[in-house]
C-alpha atoms as a PDB file:
ATOM      1  CA  MET A   1     160.978 143.237  43.931  1.00  0.00           C
ATOM      2  CA  ASP A   2     164.256 143.217  45.927  1.00  0.00           C
ATOM      3  CA  SER A   3     165.412 140.415  48.208  1.00  0.00           C
ATOM      4  CA  ALA A   4     164.617 142.404  51.381  1.00  0.00           C
ATOM      5  CA  SER A   5     160.967 142.744  50.314  1.00  0.00           C
ATOM      6  CA  LEU A   6     160.779 139.049  49.519  1.00  0.00           C
ATOM      7  CA  ARG A   7     162.209 138.155  52.922  1.00  0.00           C
ATOM      8  CA  SER A   8     159.616 140.366  54.632  1.00  0.00           C
ATOM      9  CA  LEU A   9     156.831 138.507  52.813  1.00  0.00           C
ATOM     10  CA  THR A  10     158.161 135.058  53.718  1.00  0.00           C
ATOM     11  CA  PRO A  11     156.278 134.735  57.060  1.00  0.00           C
ATOM     12  CA  LEU A  12     153.024 135.785  55.362  1.00  0.00           C
ATOM     13  CA  LEU A  13     153.510 133.319  52.506  1.00  0.00           C
ATOM     14  CA  ASP A  14     154.415 130.556  54.974  1.00  0.00           C
ATOM     15  CA  GLY A  15     151.247 131.310  56.924  1.00  0.00           C
ATOM     16  CA  ILE A  16     149.134 131.141  53.761  1.00  0.00           C
ATOM     17  CA  ASP A  17     150.764 127.845  52.745  1.00  0.00           C
ATOM     18  CA  ARG A  18     150.108 126.425  56.207  1.00  0.00           C
ATOM     19  CA  TRP A  19     146.417 127.372  56.073  1.00  0.00           C
ATOM     20  CA  VAL A  20     146.148 125.859  52.576  1.00  0.00           C
ATOM     21  CA  GLU A  21     147.494 122.615  54.051  1.00  0.00           C
ATOM     22  CA  LEU A  22     145.198 122.751  57.081  1.00  0.00           C
ATOM     23  CA  ALA A  23     142.000 123.906  55.321  1.00  0.00           C
ATOM     24  CA  PRO A  24     140.965 120.366  54.241  1.00  0.00           C
ATOM     25  CA  LEU A  25     140.971 119.362  57.929  1.00  0.00           C
ATOM     26  CA  LEU A  26     138.308 121.946  58.831  1.00  0.00           C
ATOM     27  CA  PRO A  27     135.362 120.020  57.284  1.00  0.00           C
ATOM     28  CA  VAL A  28     136.624 116.879  59.049  1.00  0.00           C
ATOM     29  CA  ILE A  29     136.700 118.626  62.441  1.00  0.00           C
ATOM     30  CA  VAL A  30     133.290 120.265  61.850  1.00  0.00           C
ATOM     31  CA  SER A  31     131.788 116.906  60.799  1.00  0.00           C
ATOM     32  CA  LEU A  32     133.282 115.299  63.891  1.00  0.00           C
ATOM     33  CA  GLU A  33     131.759 118.027  66.078  1.00  0.00           C
ATOM     34  CA  LEU A  34     128.337 117.526  64.458  1.00  0.00           C
ATOM     35  CA  VAL A  35     128.389 113.730  64.809  1.00  0.00           C
ATOM     36  CA  LEU A  36     129.521 113.853  68.431  1.00  0.00           C
ATOM     37  CA  SER A  37     127.008 116.596  69.272  1.00  0.00           C
ATOM     38  CA  ALA A  38     123.864 114.646  68.291  1.00  0.00           C
ATOM     39  CA  ASP A  39     123.442 113.117  71.747  1.00  0.00           C
ATOM     40  CA  ASN A  40     124.569 116.414  73.259  1.00  0.00           C
ATOM     41  CA  ALA A  41     121.713 118.142  71.416  1.00  0.00           C
ATOM     42  CA  VAL A  42     119.190 115.644  72.817  1.00  0.00           C
ATOM     43  CA  ALA A  43     120.480 116.192  76.354  1.00  0.00           C
ATOM     44  CA  LEU A  44     120.403 119.987  76.019  1.00  0.00           C
ATOM     45  CA  ALA A  45     116.928 119.871  74.464  1.00  0.00           C
ATOM     46  CA  SER A  46     115.667 117.617  77.257  1.00  0.00           C
ATOM     47  CA  ILE A  47     117.049 119.990  79.900  1.00  0.00           C
ATOM     48  CA  THR A  48     115.630 123.058  78.145  1.00  0.00           C
ATOM     49  CA  LYS A  49     112.127 121.672  77.620  1.00  0.00           C
ATOM     50  CA  ASN A  50     111.560 121.782  81.389  1.00  0.00           C
ATOM     51  CA  LEU A  51     110.837 125.453  80.741  1.00  0.00           C
ATOM     52  CA  ASN A  52     107.293 125.561  79.415  1.00  0.00           C
ATOM     53  CA  ASN A  53     107.713 129.007  77.847  1.00  0.00           C
ATOM     54  CA  ILE A  54     109.160 129.040  74.311  1.00  0.00           C
ATOM     55  CA  ASN A  55     110.803 132.436  74.842  1.00  0.00           C
ATOM     56  CA  LEU A  56     112.478 131.168  78.014  1.00  0.00           C
ATOM     57  CA  GLN A  57     113.643 128.061  76.155  1.00  0.00           C
ATOM     58  CA  ARG A  58     115.249 130.213  73.455  1.00  0.00           C
ATOM     59  CA  LYS A  59     116.802 132.513  76.045  1.00  0.00           C
ATOM     60  CA  ALA A  60     118.208 129.571  78.000  1.00  0.00           C
ATOM     61  CA  LEU A  61     119.664 128.003  74.853  1.00  0.00           C
ATOM     62  CA  ASN A  62     121.186 131.285  73.634  1.00  0.00           C
ATOM     63  CA  ILE A  63     122.843 132.118  76.963  1.00  0.00           C
ATOM     64  CA  GLY A  64     123.763 128.521  77.782  1.00  0.00           C
ATOM     65  CA  ILE A  65     125.303 127.862  74.363  1.00  0.00           C
ATOM     66  CA  PHE A  66     127.235 131.158  74.489  1.00  0.00           C
ATOM     67  CA  ILE A  67     128.729 130.249  77.879  1.00  0.00           C
ATOM     68  CA  ALA A  68     129.408 126.734  76.567  1.00  0.00           C
ATOM     69  CA  LEU A  69     131.300 128.205  73.592  1.00  0.00           C
ATOM     70  CA  LEU A  70     133.513 130.300  75.884  1.00  0.00           C
ATOM     71  CA  LEU A  71     134.202 127.230  78.034  1.00  0.00           C
ATOM     72  CA  ARG A  72     135.052 125.136  74.953  1.00  0.00           C
ATOM     73  CA  ILE A  73     137.529 127.744  73.706  1.00  0.00           C
ATOM     74  CA  LEU A  74     139.114 127.825  77.173  1.00  0.00           C
ATOM     75  CA  VAL A  75     139.403 124.020  77.158  1.00  0.00           C
ATOM     76  CA  ILE A  76     140.974 124.054  73.672  1.00  0.00           C
ATOM     77  CA  LEU A  77     143.534 126.713  74.651  1.00  0.00           C
ATOM     78  CA  THR A  78     144.483 124.707  77.739  1.00  0.00           C
ATOM     79  CA  ALA A  79     144.038 121.309  76.055  1.00  0.00           C
ATOM     80  CA  GLN A  80     147.604 120.172  76.704  1.00  0.00           C
ATOM     81  CA  PHE A  81     147.025 120.418  80.455  1.00  0.00           C
ATOM     82  CA  PHE A  82     143.251 120.120  80.721  1.00  0.00           C
ATOM     83  CA  LEU A  83     142.741 116.935  78.716  1.00  0.00           C
ATOM     84  CA  ASN A  84     145.712 115.179  80.335  1.00  0.00           C
ATOM     85  CA  PHE A  85     144.530 116.017  83.849  1.00  0.00           C
ATOM     86  CA  TRP A  86     142.847 112.729  84.786  1.00  0.00           C
ATOM     87  CA  PRO A  87     140.331 114.154  87.339  1.00  0.00           C
ATOM     88  CA  VAL A  88     138.715 116.097  84.466  1.00  0.00           C
ATOM     89  CA  LYS A  89     137.797 112.912  82.572  1.00  0.00           C
ATOM     90  CA  LEU A  90     136.764 111.220  85.808  1.00  0.00           C
ATOM     91  CA  ILE A  91     134.429 114.058  86.835  1.00  0.00           C
ATOM     92  CA  GLY A  92     133.077 114.418  83.278  1.00  0.00           C
ATOM     93  CA  GLY A  93     132.433 110.681  82.970  1.00  0.00           C
ATOM     94  CA  ILE A  94     130.744 110.426  86.374  1.00  0.00           C
ATOM     95  CA  TYR A  95     128.600 113.482  85.617  1.00  0.00           C
ATOM     96  CA  LEU A  96     127.380 112.112  82.274  1.00  0.00           C
ATOM     97  CA  ILE A  97     126.642 108.668  83.738  1.00  0.00           C
ATOM     98  CA  SER A  98     124.766 110.181  86.701  1.00  0.00           C
ATOM     99  CA  LEU A  99     122.860 112.481  84.319  1.00  0.00           C
ATOM    100  CA  SER A 100     121.801 109.454  82.257  1.00  0.00           C
ATOM    101  CA  ILE A 101     120.757 107.399  85.307  1.00  0.00           C
ATOM    102  CA  SER A 102     118.857 110.252  86.973  1.00  0.00           C
ATOM    103  CA  LYS A 103     116.995 111.005  83.748  1.00  0.00           C
ATOM    104  CA  PHE A 104     115.953 107.365  83.329  1.00  0.00           C
ATOM    105  CA  LEU A 105     114.723 107.295  86.920  1.00  0.00           C
ATOM    106  CA  SER A 106     112.641 110.413  86.311  1.00  0.00           C
ATOM    107  CA  LEU A 107     111.277 109.014  83.036  1.00  0.00           C
ATOM    108  CA  ASN A 108     110.264 105.787  84.749  1.00  0.00           C
ATOM    109  CA  ASN A 109     108.477 107.790  87.416  1.00  0.00           C
ATOM    110  CA  ASN A 110     106.761 109.880  84.737  1.00  0.00           C
ATOM    111  CA  GLY A 111     108.414 112.907  86.254  1.00  0.00           C
ATOM    112  CA  SER A 112     109.476 114.508  83.032  1.00  0.00           C
ATOM    113  CA  ASN A 113     106.235 116.455  82.738  1.00  0.00           C
ATOM    114  CA  GLN A 114     106.006 117.439  86.382  1.00  0.00           C
ATOM    115  CA  ASN A 115     108.799 119.995  86.256  1.00  0.00           C
ATOM    116  CA  LEU A 116     106.901 122.566  84.199  1.00  0.00           C
ATOM    117  CA  ILE A 117     107.112 126.036  85.653  1.00  0.00           C
ATOM    118  CA  GLU A 118     103.885 127.662  86.727  1.00  0.00           C
ATOM    119  CA  ASN A 119     104.755 131.285  87.469  1.00  0.00           C
ATOM    120  CA  SER A 120     107.305 133.938  86.556  1.00  0.00           C
ATOM    121  CA  GLU A 121     109.154 133.794  89.878  1.00  0.00           C
ATOM    122  CA  GLN A 122     109.728 130.059  89.512  1.00  0.00           C
ATOM    123  CA  SER A 123     110.643 130.620  85.859  1.00  0.00           C
ATOM    124  CA  ASN A 124     113.458 133.000  86.810  1.00  0.00           C
ATOM    125  CA  ILE A 125     114.889 130.489  89.295  1.00  0.00           C
ATOM    126  CA  SER A 126     114.539 127.605  86.845  1.00  0.00           C
ATOM    127  CA  LEU A 127     115.998 129.665  83.989  1.00  0.00           C
ATOM    128  CA  PHE A 128     119.221 130.152  85.941  1.00  0.00           C
ATOM    129  CA  LYS A 129     119.355 126.447  86.824  1.00  0.00           C
ATOM    130  CA  VAL A 130     118.695 125.430  83.212  1.00  0.00           C
ATOM    131  CA  ILE A 131     121.448 127.748  81.909  1.00  0.00           C
ATOM    132  CA  LEU A 132     123.863 126.337  84.490  1.00  0.00           C
ATOM    133  CA  LEU A 133     122.942 122.747  83.558  1.00  0.00           C
ATOM    134  CA  LEU A 134     123.307 123.510  79.839  1.00  0.00           C
ATOM    135  CA  SER A 135     126.792 124.959  80.359  1.00  0.00           C
ATOM    136  CA  VAL A 136     128.029 122.146  82.614  1.00  0.00           C
ATOM    137  CA  THR A 137     126.542 119.409  80.398  1.00  0.00           C
ATOM    138  CA  ASP A 138     128.094 120.812  77.229  1.00  0.00           C
ATOM    139  CA  LEU A 139     131.438 121.160  79.020  1.00  0.00           C
ATOM    140  CA  ALA A 140     131.301 117.472  79.982  1.00  0.00           C
ATOM    141  CA  PHE A 141     130.480 116.512  76.380  1.00  0.00           C
ATOM    142  CA  SER A 142     133.244 118.743  75.012  1.00  0.00           C
ATOM    143  CA  ILE A 143     135.917 116.630  76.739  1.00  0.00           C
ATOM    144  CA  ASP A 144     135.225 113.813  74.270  1.00  0.00           C
ATOM    145  CA  SER A 145     134.782 115.936  71.132  1.00  0.00           C
ATOM    146  CA  ILE A 146     137.772 118.222  71.802  1.00  0.00           C
ATOM    147  CA  THR A 147     139.997 115.228  72.544  1.00  0.00           C
ATOM    148  CA  ALA A 148     139.046 113.797  69.133  1.00  0.00           C
ATOM    149  CA  ALA A 149     139.527 117.165  67.372  1.00  0.00           C
ATOM    150  CA  VAL A 150     142.951 117.801  68.941  1.00  0.00           C
ATOM    151  CA  ALA A 151     143.998 114.300  67.853  1.00  0.00           C
ATOM    152  CA  ILE A 152     143.295 115.326  64.241  1.00  0.00           C
ATOM    153  CA  SER A 153     145.115 118.670  64.411  1.00  0.00           C
ATOM    154  CA  ASP A 154     147.197 120.477  67.020  1.00  0.00           C
ATOM    155  CA  GLN A 155     146.433 123.867  65.453  1.00  0.00           C
ATOM    156  CA  PHE A 156     144.351 125.667  68.078  1.00  0.00           C
ATOM    157  CA  LEU A 157     142.856 128.223  65.665  1.00  0.00           C
ATOM    158  CA  LEU A 158     141.621 125.449  63.392  1.00  0.00           C
ATOM    159  CA  VAL A 159     140.117 123.474  66.286  1.00  0.00           C
ATOM    160  CA  ILE A 160     138.512 126.634  67.722  1.00  0.00           C
ATOM    161  CA  THR A 161     137.000 127.454  64.301  1.00  0.00           C
ATOM    162  CA  GLY A 162     135.549 123.944  64.110  1.00  0.00           C
ATOM    163  CA  ALA A 163     134.233 124.240  67.667  1.00  0.00           C
ATOM    164  CA  ILE A 164     132.542 127.585  66.944  1.00  0.00           C
ATOM    165  CA  ILE A 165     130.793 126.177  63.859  1.00  0.00           C
ATOM    166  CA  GLY A 166     129.843 123.046  65.801  1.00  0.00           C
ATOM    167  CA  VAL A 167     128.396 125.002  68.738  1.00  0.00           C
ATOM    168  CA  ILE A 168     126.382 127.272  66.419  1.00  0.00           C
ATOM    169  CA  ALA A 169     124.971 124.156  64.738  1.00  0.00           C
ATOM    170  CA  LEU A 170     124.312 122.696  68.195  1.00  0.00           C
ATOM    171  CA  ARG A 171     122.174 125.731  69.073  1.00  0.00           C
ATOM    172  CA  PHE A 172     119.859 125.121  66.118  1.00  0.00           C
ATOM    173  CA  THR A 173     119.775 121.323  66.395  1.00  0.00           C
ATOM    174  CA  SER A 174     118.885 121.639  70.092  1.00  0.00           C
ATOM    175  CA  GLY A 175     115.916 123.792  69.092  1.00  0.00           C
ATOM    176  CA  LEU A 176     114.816 121.117  66.624  1.00  0.00           C
ATOM    177  CA  PHE A 177     115.257 118.333  69.156  1.00  0.00           C
ATOM    178  CA  ILE A 178     112.947 120.129  71.618  1.00  0.00           C
ATOM    179  CA  LYS A 179     110.179 119.640  69.028  1.00  0.00           C
ATOM    180  CA  TRP A 180     111.278 116.133  68.080  1.00  0.00           C
ATOM    181  CA  LEU A 181     111.266 114.986  71.715  1.00  0.00           C
ATOM    182  CA  GLU A 182     107.507 115.592  71.735  1.00  0.00           C
ATOM    183  CA  ILE A 183     107.025 113.623  68.502  1.00  0.00           C
ATOM    184  CA  TYR A 184     109.351 110.616  68.886  1.00  0.00           C
ATOM    185  CA  ILE A 185     108.748 108.819  72.167  1.00  0.00           C
ATOM    186  CA  ASN A 186     112.021 106.834  72.178  1.00  0.00           C
ATOM    187  CA  LEU A 187     114.282 109.737  71.245  1.00  0.00           C
ATOM    188  CA  GLU A 188     114.881 111.004  74.773  1.00  0.00           C
ATOM    189  CA  LYS A 189     115.743 107.501  75.985  1.00  0.00           C
ATOM    190  CA  ALA A 190     118.096 106.973  73.032  1.00  0.00           C
ATOM    191  CA  GLY A 191     119.799 110.282  73.740  1.00  0.00           C
ATOM    192  CA  TYR A 192     120.355 109.499  77.404  1.00  0.00           C
ATOM    193  CA  ILE A 193     121.638 105.999  76.659  1.00  0.00           C
ATOM    194  CA  ALA A 194     124.174 107.733  74.408  1.00  0.00           C
ATOM    195  CA  VAL A 195     124.975 110.198  77.213  1.00  0.00           C
ATOM    196  CA  GLY A 196     125.692 107.298  79.569  1.00  0.00           C
ATOM    197  CA  LEU A 197     127.832 105.526  76.963  1.00  0.00           C
ATOM    198  CA  ILE A 198     129.980 108.621  76.435  1.00  0.00           C
ATOM    199  CA  GLY A 199     130.445 108.917  80.197  1.00  0.00           C
ATOM    200  CA  LEU A 200     131.378 105.222  80.335  1.00  0.00           C
ATOM    201  CA  LYS A 201     133.803 105.738  77.447  1.00  0.00           C
ATOM    202  CA  LEU A 202     135.589 108.514  79.365  1.00  0.00           C
ATOM    203  CA  ILE A 203     135.898 106.291  82.454  1.00  0.00           C
ATOM    204  CA  ILE A 204     137.160 103.304  80.411  1.00  0.00           C
ATOM    205  CA  GLN A 205     139.771 105.481  78.674  1.00  0.00           C
ATOM    206  CA  LEU A 206     140.922 106.633  82.089  1.00  0.00           C
ATOM    207  CA  VAL A 207     141.069 103.231  83.803  1.00  0.00           C
ATOM    208  CA  LEU A 208     142.130 101.115  80.807  1.00  0.00           C
ATOM    209  CA  PHE A 209     144.267 103.730  79.052  1.00  0.00           C
ATOM    210  CA  LYS A 210     145.886 101.106  76.806  1.00  0.00           C
ATOM    211  CA  LEU A 211     142.502 100.013  75.471  1.00  0.00           C
ATOM    212  CA  VAL A 212     141.639 101.808  72.232  1.00  0.00           C
ATOM    213  CA  ILE A 213     137.929 101.888  71.384  1.00  0.00           C
ATOM    214  CA  PRO A 214     137.543 102.233  67.578  1.00  0.00           C
ATOM    215  CA  GLU A 215     135.710 105.474  66.804  1.00  0.00           C
ATOM    216  CA  TYR A 216     133.818 103.854  63.920  1.00  0.00           C
ATOM    217  CA  LEU A 217     132.397 101.265  66.338  1.00  0.00           C
ATOM    218  CA  PHE A 218     131.244 104.006  68.694  1.00  0.00           C
ATOM    219  CA  PHE A 219     129.661 105.928  65.799  1.00  0.00           C
ATOM    220  CA  LEU A 220     127.804 102.785  64.678  1.00  0.00           C
ATOM    221  CA  VAL A 221     126.368 102.327  68.173  1.00  0.00           C
ATOM    222  CA  MET A 222     125.266 105.994  68.180  1.00  0.00           C
ATOM    223  CA  LEU A 223     123.716 105.560  64.726  1.00  0.00           C
ATOM    224  CA  PHE A 224     121.665 102.515  65.764  1.00  0.00           C
ATOM    225  CA  LEU A 225     120.574 104.290  68.949  1.00  0.00           C
ATOM    226  CA  PHE A 226     119.217 107.258  67.023  1.00  0.00           C
ATOM    227  CA  ILE A 227     117.571 105.048  64.397  1.00  0.00           C
ATOM    228  CA  TRP A 228     115.715 103.437  67.307  1.00  0.00           C
ATOM    229  CA  GLY A 229     115.056 106.868  68.811  1.00  0.00           C
ATOM    230  CA  PHE A 230     113.323 108.055  65.640  1.00  0.00           C
ATOM    231  CA  SER A 231     111.527 104.746  65.039  1.00  0.00           C
ATOM    232  CA  LYS A 232     108.296 105.406  66.948  1.00  0.00           C
ATOM    233  CA  LYS A 233     106.058 108.467  66.893  1.00  0.00           C
ATOM    234  CA  ASN A 234     103.722 109.717  69.574  1.00  0.00           C
ATOM    235  CA  SER A 235     100.314 108.571  68.294  1.00  0.00           C
ATOM    236  CA  SER A 236      98.469 111.510  69.866  1.00  0.00           C
ATOM    237  CA  ILE A 237     100.647 113.920  67.886  1.00  0.00           C
ATOM    238  CA  SER A 238     100.987 111.970  64.639  1.00  0.00           C
ATOM    239  CA  ASN A 239      97.215 111.667  64.360  1.00  0.00           C
ATOM    240  CA  VAL A 240      96.637 115.412  64.737  1.00  0.00           C
END
């Protein structure tokens, strides 16, 4: 092979070498997405279960997650601007905190079972609202997970690949959590405490930008929350 042919292959070989170097980071980014999406899955499942029709729940999750994926890719591609634009973290943090508080208020008022849809006309209206809530909620969560992923690697294609795998996993875990929310009575509360903590984390990072919260400490808090969430079963279901 002559030198001209070798020179023409250099960019390809450099690209292969770069991917060989970056490939070990993909499992790390995917694992990070999965860990950070546990509370996201609870929130999405809780929103979706307001539809009392299983087919509508699946439809809402499929459409909502697809829109969420497109929004995540957009955020990743504009990460340099988007994640450094302080109003984004402020709005995301306030939204997650308000979502957590409003859900606890509704749980205390036993309102979680009063939102079931009775007819097809209401279902269509609620389906649109649920899809919108799913998309906005996942976008708010993605601020935290994408910030962590971009900190690991600045290669957009790698981060996007991790996000795609994470969102696909989120679709299936959300479906599981819809069932688990009926079985484990503390799970919804644990999930929404986690939602509020993530919102608080975004606000703290914005106000006290020099304060670094260790990720391992945050993961430990999430772990204990979900251990508590899965600690108690609904007796009426467990005895069936």
